[in-house]
Amino acid sequence: MPKTAKRNSDRAQRHNTPSINNEAISQQLEALLTPAIFAQQQYYKQLGLRDRVL
């Protein structure tokens, strides 16, 4: 009898689905991240570099 080939589960395709859009969470993240982004831009200007948002 021939053996069945083993499947490699690492190669299985995962299906990523977007999470539910929660307005309260998105506002809180925006409030936390916006000052950090502007501070980073100001730091790069002080160093004489162009603005970079990663």
PDB file of N, CA and C in Angstrom:
ATOM      1  N   MET A   1       0.832  -1.185   0.000  1.00  0.00           N
ATOM      2  CA  MET A   1       0.000   0.000   0.000  1.00  0.00           C
ATOM      3  C   MET A   1       0.879   1.253   0.000  1.00  0.00           C
ATOM      4  N   PRO A   2       0.552   2.205  -0.841  1.00  0.00           N
ATOM      5  CA  PRO A   2       1.331   3.453  -0.845  1.00  0.00           C
ATOM      6  C   PRO A   2       0.994   4.302   0.370  1.00  0.00           C
ATOM      7  N   LYS A   3       2.018   4.945   0.886  1.00  0.00           N
ATOM      8  CA  LYS A   3       1.821   5.835   2.024  1.00  0.00           C
ATOM      9  C   LYS A   3       1.271   7.176   1.540  1.00  0.00           C
ATOM     10  N   THR A   4       0.430   7.768   2.347  1.00  0.00           N
ATOM     11  CA  THR A   4      -0.082   9.097   1.994  1.00  0.00           C
ATOM     12  C   THR A   4       0.946  10.143   2.387  1.00  0.00           C
ATOM     13  N   ALA A   5       1.052  11.150   1.578  1.00  0.00           N
ATOM     14  CA  ALA A   5       2.014  12.211   1.846  1.00  0.00           C
ATOM     15  C   ALA A   5       1.560  13.039   3.050  1.00  0.00           C
ATOM     16  N   LYS A   6       2.516  13.357   3.903  1.00  0.00           N
ATOM     17  CA  LYS A   6       2.194  14.185   5.061  1.00  0.00           C
ATOM     18  C   LYS A   6       2.095  15.637   4.616  1.00  0.00           C
ATOM     19  N   ARG A   7       1.166  16.335   5.183  1.00  0.00           N
ATOM     20  CA  ARG A   7       1.009  17.751   4.855  1.00  0.00           C
ATOM     21  C   ARG A   7       1.822  18.593   5.831  1.00  0.00           C
ATOM     22  N   ASN A   8       2.458  19.586   5.293  1.00  0.00           N
ATOM     23  CA  ASN A   8       3.214  20.514   6.120  1.00  0.00           C
ATOM     24  C   ASN A   8       2.281  21.647   6.518  1.00  0.00           C
ATOM     25  N   SER A   9       1.921  21.704   7.784  1.00  0.00           N
ATOM     26  CA  SER A   9       0.951  22.708   8.223  1.00  0.00           C
ATOM     27  C   SER A   9       1.509  24.126   8.149  1.00  0.00           C
ATOM     28  N   ASP A  10       2.829  24.271   8.091  1.00  0.00           N
ATOM     29  CA  ASP A  10       3.425  25.599   7.977  1.00  0.00           C
ATOM     30  C   ASP A  10       3.128  26.231   6.624  1.00  0.00           C
ATOM     31  N   ARG A  11       2.865  25.415   5.652  1.00  0.00           N
ATOM     32  CA  ARG A  11       2.622  25.937   4.318  1.00  0.00           C
ATOM     33  C   ARG A  11       1.142  26.167   4.048  1.00  0.00           C
ATOM     34  N   ALA A  12       0.322  25.891   5.015  1.00  0.00           N
ATOM     35  CA  ALA A  12      -1.111  26.135   4.843  1.00  0.00           C
ATOM     36  C   ALA A  12      -1.361  27.635   4.794  1.00  0.00           C
ATOM     37  N   GLN A  13      -2.243  28.042   3.916  1.00  0.00           N
ATOM     38  CA  GLN A  13      -2.528  29.466   3.794  1.00  0.00           C
ATOM     39  C   GLN A  13      -3.462  29.909   4.905  1.00  0.00           C
ATOM     40  N   ARG A  14      -3.066  30.962   5.558  1.00  0.00           N
ATOM     41  CA  ARG A  14      -3.905  31.532   6.600  1.00  0.00           C
ATOM     42  C   ARG A  14      -4.714  32.666   5.993  1.00  0.00           C
ATOM     43  N   HIS A  15      -5.926  32.779   6.402  1.00  0.00           N
ATOM     44  CA  HIS A  15      -6.799  33.823   5.887  1.00  0.00           C
ATOM     45  C   HIS A  15      -6.923  34.910   6.944  1.00  0.00           C
ATOM     46  N   ASN A  16      -6.348  36.059   6.646  1.00  0.00           N
ATOM     47  CA  ASN A  16      -6.429  37.188   7.561  1.00  0.00           C
ATOM     48  C   ASN A  16      -7.690  37.978   7.267  1.00  0.00           C
ATOM     49  N   THR A  17      -8.460  38.227   8.293  1.00  0.00           N
ATOM     50  CA  THR A  17      -9.668  39.015   8.132  1.00  0.00           C
ATOM     51  C   THR A  17      -9.539  40.284   8.954  1.00  0.00           C
ATOM     52  N   PRO A  18     -10.020  41.397   8.457  1.00  0.00           N
ATOM     53  CA  PRO A  18      -9.927  42.639   9.230  1.00  0.00           C
ATOM     54  C   PRO A  18     -10.810  42.566  10.470  1.00  0.00           C
ATOM     55  N   SER A  19     -10.350  43.238  11.504  1.00  0.00           N
ATOM     56  CA  SER A  19     -11.130  43.240  12.741  1.00  0.00           C
ATOM     57  C   SER A  19     -12.301  44.212  12.609  1.00  0.00           C
ATOM     58  N   ILE A  20     -13.184  44.129  13.542  1.00  0.00           N
ATOM     59  CA  ILE A  20     -14.343  45.006  13.555  1.00  0.00           C
ATOM     60  C   ILE A  20     -13.882  46.439  13.820  1.00  0.00           C
ATOM     61  N   ASN A  21     -14.393  47.377  13.063  1.00  0.00           N
ATOM     62  CA  ASN A  21     -14.007  48.768  13.209  1.00  0.00           C
ATOM     63  C   ASN A  21     -14.681  49.345  14.457  1.00  0.00           C
ATOM     64  N   ASN A  22     -13.870  49.599  15.468  1.00  0.00           N
ATOM     65  CA  ASN A  22     -14.379  50.146  16.711  1.00  0.00           C
ATOM     66  C   ASN A  22     -13.933  51.602  16.804  1.00  0.00           C
ATOM     67  N   GLU A  23     -14.878  52.516  16.782  1.00  0.00           N
ATOM     68  CA  GLU A  23     -14.576  53.948  16.749  1.00  0.00           C
ATOM     69  C   GLU A  23     -13.838  54.401  18.005  1.00  0.00           C
ATOM     70  N   ALA A  24     -14.206  53.866  19.168  1.00  0.00           N
ATOM     71  CA  ALA A  24     -13.557  54.274  20.418  1.00  0.00           C
ATOM     72  C   ALA A  24     -12.088  53.869  20.432  1.00  0.00           C
ATOM     73  N   ILE A  25     -11.788  52.672  19.939  1.00  0.00           N
ATOM     74  CA  ILE A  25     -10.401  52.212  19.912  1.00  0.00           C
ATOM     75  C   ILE A  25      -9.596  53.011  18.905  1.00  0.00           C
ATOM     76  N   SER A  26     -10.168  53.289  17.753  1.00  0.00           N
ATOM     77  CA  SER A  26      -9.428  54.041  16.741  1.00  0.00           C
ATOM     78  C   SER A  26      -9.151  55.473  17.199  1.00  0.00           C
ATOM     79  N   GLN A  27     -10.083  56.088  17.908  1.00  0.00           N
ATOM     80  CA  GLN A  27      -9.843  57.434  18.443  1.00  0.00           C
ATOM     81  C   GLN A  27      -8.749  57.413  19.505  1.00  0.00           C
ATOM     82  N   GLN A  28      -8.749  56.393  20.350  1.00  0.00           N
ATOM     83  CA  GLN A  28      -7.736  56.311  21.398  1.00  0.00           C
ATOM     84  C   GLN A  28      -6.349  56.085  20.790  1.00  0.00           C
ATOM     85  N   LEU A  29      -6.255  55.219  19.781  1.00  0.00           N
ATOM     86  CA  LEU A  29      -4.975  54.999  19.121  1.00  0.00           C
ATOM     87  C   LEU A  29      -4.482  56.259  18.427  1.00  0.00           C
ATOM     88  N   GLU A  30      -5.387  56.975  17.800  1.00  0.00           N
ATOM     89  CA  GLU A  30      -5.004  58.219  17.132  1.00  0.00           C
ATOM     90  C   GLU A  30      -4.503  59.243  18.143  1.00  0.00           C
ATOM     91  N   ALA A  31      -5.163  59.336  19.283  1.00  0.00           N
ATOM     92  CA  ALA A  31      -4.749  60.277  20.324  1.00  0.00           C
ATOM     93  C   ALA A  31      -3.379  59.911  20.897  1.00  0.00           C
ATOM     94  N   LEU A  32      -3.071  58.623  20.949  1.00  0.00           N
ATOM     95  CA  LEU A  32      -1.777  58.193  21.477  1.00  0.00           C
ATOM     96  C   LEU A  32      -0.654  58.343  20.457  1.00  0.00           C
ATOM     97  N   LEU A  33      -0.939  58.066  19.205  1.00  0.00           N
ATOM     98  CA  LEU A  33       0.116  58.021  18.199  1.00  0.00           C
ATOM     99  C   LEU A  33       0.413  59.360  17.548  1.00  0.00           C
ATOM    100  N   THR A  34      -0.567  60.221  17.419  1.00  0.00           N
ATOM    101  CA  THR A  34      -0.355  61.493  16.726  1.00  0.00           C
ATOM    102  C   THR A  34       0.741  62.341  17.375  1.00  0.00           C
ATOM    103  N   PRO A  35       0.749  62.553  18.705  1.00  0.00           N
ATOM    104  CA  PRO A  35       1.846  63.330  19.300  1.00  0.00           C
ATOM    105  C   PRO A  35       3.213  62.682  19.093  1.00  0.00           C
ATOM    106  N   ALA A  36       3.278  61.367  19.113  1.00  0.00           N
ATOM    107  CA  ALA A  36       4.554  60.689  18.911  1.00  0.00           C
ATOM    108  C   ALA A  36       5.057  60.897  17.491  1.00  0.00           C
ATOM    109  N   ILE A  37       4.159  60.874  16.532  1.00  0.00           N
ATOM    110  CA  ILE A  37       4.553  61.076  15.135  1.00  0.00           C
ATOM    111  C   ILE A  37       5.081  62.494  14.932  1.00  0.00           C
ATOM    112  N   PHE A  38       4.379  63.478  15.496  1.00  0.00           N
ATOM    113  CA  PHE A  38       4.831  64.860  15.353  1.00  0.00           C
ATOM    114  C   PHE A  38       6.146  65.099  16.085  1.00  0.00           C
ATOM    115  N   ALA A  39       6.348  64.448  17.222  1.00  0.00           N
ATOM    116  CA  ALA A  39       7.614  64.576  17.949  1.00  0.00           C
ATOM    117  C   ALA A  39       8.754  63.979  17.134  1.00  0.00           C
ATOM    118  N   GLN A  40       8.491  62.879  16.465  1.00  0.00           N
ATOM    119  CA  GLN A  40       9.507  62.259  15.628  1.00  0.00           C
ATOM    120  C   GLN A  40       9.855  63.165  14.445  1.00  0.00           C
ATOM    121  N   GLN A  41       8.852  63.784  13.846  1.00  0.00           N
ATOM    122  CA  GLN A  41       9.112  64.701  12.741  1.00  0.00           C
ATOM    123  C   GLN A  41       9.949  65.886  13.211  1.00  0.00           C
ATOM    124  N   GLN A  42       9.656  66.423  14.378  1.00  0.00           N
ATOM    125  CA  GLN A  42      10.417  67.552  14.920  1.00  0.00           C
ATOM    126  C   GLN A  42      11.859  67.139  15.198  1.00  0.00           C
ATOM    127  N   TYR A  43      12.063  65.929  15.691  1.00  0.00           N
ATOM    128  CA  TYR A  43      13.411  65.431  15.976  1.00  0.00           C
ATOM    129  C   TYR A  43      14.236  65.330  14.694  1.00  0.00           C
ATOM    130  N   TYR A  44      13.623  64.813  13.635  1.00  0.00           N
ATOM    131  CA  TYR A  44      14.332  64.718  12.363  1.00  0.00           C
ATOM    132  C   TYR A  44      14.660  66.094  11.811  1.00  0.00           C
ATOM    133  N   LYS A  45      13.780  67.073  11.999  1.00  0.00           N
ATOM    134  CA  LYS A  45      14.078  68.436  11.544  1.00  0.00           C
ATOM    135  C   LYS A  45      15.263  69.008  12.301  1.00  0.00           C
ATOM    136  N   GLN A  46      15.344  68.740  13.597  1.00  0.00           N
ATOM    137  CA  GLN A  46      16.474  69.221  14.395  1.00  0.00           C
ATOM    138  C   GLN A  46      17.783  68.617  13.918  1.00  0.00           C
ATOM    139  N   LEU A  47      17.732  67.392  13.442  1.00  0.00           N
ATOM    140  CA  LEU A  47      18.937  66.734  12.944  1.00  0.00           C
ATOM    141  C   LEU A  47      19.268  67.138  11.514  1.00  0.00           C
ATOM    142  N   GLY A  48      18.378  67.892  10.896  1.00  0.00           N
ATOM    143  CA  GLY A  48      18.603  68.316   9.521  1.00  0.00           C
ATOM    144  C   GLY A  48      18.213  67.258   8.508  1.00  0.00           C
ATOM    145  N   LEU A  49      17.400  66.302   8.926  1.00  0.00           N
ATOM    146  CA  LEU A  49      16.948  65.242   8.037  1.00  0.00           C
ATOM    147  C   LEU A  49      15.542  65.536   7.569  1.00  0.00           C
ATOM    148  N   ARG A  50      15.119  64.866   6.548  1.00  0.00           N
ATOM    149  CA  ARG A  50      13.733  65.056   6.083  1.00  0.00           C
ATOM    150  C   ARG A  50      12.771  64.257   6.954  1.00  0.00           C
ATOM    151  N   ASP A  51      11.507  64.606   6.886  1.00  0.00           N
ATOM    152  CA  ASP A  51      10.489  63.939   7.698  1.00  0.00           C
ATOM    153  C   ASP A  51      10.314  62.503   7.257  1.00  0.00           C
ATOM    154  N   ARG A  52      10.210  61.622   8.242  1.00  0.00           N
ATOM    155  CA  ARG A  52       9.964  60.207   7.958  1.00  0.00           C
ATOM    156  C   ARG A  52       8.941  59.695   8.938  1.00  0.00           C
ATOM    157  N   VAL A  53       7.907  59.123   8.419  1.00  0.00           N
ATOM    158  CA  VAL A  53       6.892  58.491   9.251  1.00  0.00           C
ATOM    159  C   VAL A  53       6.921  57.016   8.918  1.00  0.00           C
ATOM    160  N   LEU A  54       7.298  56.228   9.901  1.00  0.00           N
ATOM    161  CA  LEU A  54       7.418  54.785   9.676  1.00  0.00           C
ATOM    162  C   LEU A  54       6.196  54.084  10.210  1.00  0.00           C
TER     163      LEU A  54
END
